[in-house]
Amino acid sequence: MAPSWPVVMLVQMVLGLVFYMFHGVLQTQATEALPGARGTAVGAFAMALFLGQSAGSLAFGLGLLAVGYRGAFALAAAGVVALAVWARQGPRASAG
């Protein structure tokens, strides 16, 4: 869908920056837990990160088989947007 490789490179750089900022915010929230629960929170964050990467790779591969490249990338984009909207609400909204 990109007209040339420089466009792909620019988009990849922007997506990498967005992931970096998103990851940093979530990691900071994990480290703001009460001292007694901080290790558990950071450990749970790391576990969710690595399990999510593993499960995401498997799901994306299955999505490629089921709906092709465009459909798989569209589903992945929708999932990232949904996750960002949910995370923006913060723990206060989901606990309340």
Protein backbone atom coordinates (compact mmCIF):
# COMPACT_ATOMS: atom_id res chain seq x y z
CA MET A 1 0.00 0.00 0.00
CA ALA A 2 2.99 2.33 0.44
CA PRO A 3 4.19 4.12 -2.67
CA SER A 4 7.90 3.60 -1.90
CA TRP A 5 10.33 2.26 0.69
CA PRO A 6 11.09 5.70 2.23
CA VAL A 7 7.39 5.96 3.14
CA VAL A 8 7.55 2.53 4.79
CA MET A 9 10.67 3.59 6.68
CA LEU A 10 8.99 6.77 7.94
CA VAL A 11 5.87 4.90 9.02
CA GLN A 12 7.97 2.28 10.82
CA MET A 13 9.88 4.99 12.65
CA VAL A 14 6.64 6.66 13.76
CA LEU A 15 5.15 3.34 14.88
CA GLY A 16 8.32 2.51 16.80
CA LEU A 17 8.17 5.86 18.58
CA VAL A 18 4.50 5.34 19.43
CA PHE A 19 5.22 1.86 20.82
CA TYR A 20 8.14 3.22 22.83
CA MET A 21 5.97 5.93 24.39
CA PHE A 22 3.07 3.53 25.05
CA HIS A 23 5.37 0.96 26.66
CA GLY A 24 7.03 3.61 28.83
CA VAL A 25 3.70 4.87 30.18
CA LEU A 26 2.51 1.37 31.05
CA GLN A 27 5.84 0.49 32.67
CA THR A 28 5.75 3.68 34.73
CA GLN A 29 2.25 2.83 35.96
CA ALA A 30 3.48 -0.62 37.02
CA THR A 31 6.34 0.90 39.02
CA GLU A 32 3.98 3.30 40.80
CA ALA A 33 2.37 0.47 42.75
CA LEU A 34 2.63 0.37 46.51
CA PRO A 35 6.08 -0.80 47.67
CA GLY A 36 4.72 -4.14 48.87
CA ALA A 37 3.13 -4.89 45.51
CA ARG A 38 5.66 -3.24 43.20
CA GLY A 39 7.63 -6.42 42.43
CA THR A 40 4.44 -8.29 41.61
CA ALA A 41 3.20 -5.43 39.42
CA VAL A 42 6.45 -5.18 37.46
CA GLY A 43 6.65 -8.98 37.13
CA ALA A 44 3.06 -9.14 35.89
CA PHE A 45 3.81 -6.34 33.41
CA ALA A 46 6.85 -8.19 32.04
CA MET A 47 4.92 -11.46 31.84
CA ALA A 48 2.04 -9.79 29.99
CA LEU A 49 4.47 -8.09 27.61
CA PHE A 50 6.28 -11.28 26.62
CA LEU A 51 3.20 -13.51 26.56
CA GLY A 52 1.45 -10.86 24.49
CA GLN A 53 4.30 -10.78 21.99
CA SER A 54 4.24 -14.57 21.72
CA ALA A 55 0.47 -14.87 21.43
CA GLY A 56 0.36 -11.88 19.07
CA SER A 57 2.81 -13.50 16.68
CA LEU A 58 0.77 -16.69 16.64
CA ALA A 59 -2.52 -14.82 16.22
CA PHE A 60 -1.10 -12.65 13.44
CA GLY A 61 0.17 -15.71 11.58
CA LEU A 62 -3.25 -17.33 11.84
CA GLY A 63 -4.84 -14.07 10.76
CA LEU A 64 -2.65 -14.02 7.66
CA LEU A 65 -3.98 -17.43 6.72
CA ALA A 66 -7.58 -16.51 7.47
CA VAL A 67 -7.98 -12.98 6.09
CA GLY A 68 -4.76 -12.15 4.24
CA TYR A 69 -2.28 -9.34 4.82
CA ARG A 70 -4.67 -6.40 4.56
CA GLY A 71 -7.23 -7.96 6.87
CA ALA A 72 -4.63 -9.05 9.42
CA PHE A 73 -3.03 -5.61 9.54
CA ALA A 74 -6.47 -3.96 9.78
CA LEU A 75 -7.40 -6.21 12.71
CA ALA A 76 -4.06 -5.54 14.39
CA ALA A 77 -4.54 -1.78 13.97
CA ALA A 78 -8.05 -1.98 15.43
CA GLY A 79 -6.70 -3.96 18.38
CA VAL A 80 -3.97 -1.40 19.09
CA VAL A 81 -6.49 1.45 18.93
CA ALA A 82 -8.84 -0.41 21.30
CA LEU A 83 -5.96 -1.09 23.70
CA ALA A 84 -4.88 2.56 23.64
CA VAL A 85 -8.43 3.77 24.34
CA TRP A 86 -8.77 1.28 27.20
CA ALA A 87 -5.38 2.20 28.67
CA ARG A 88 -6.18 5.92 28.42
CA GLN A 89 -9.08 5.40 30.83
CA GLY A 90 -6.57 4.40 33.47
CA PRO A 91 -6.98 2.19 36.51
CA ARG A 92 -9.45 4.56 38.18
CA ALA A 93 -12.09 4.12 35.47
CA SER A 94 -11.79 0.34 35.25
CA ALA A 95 -11.84 -0.13 39.04
CA GLY A 96 -14.76 2.11 39.60
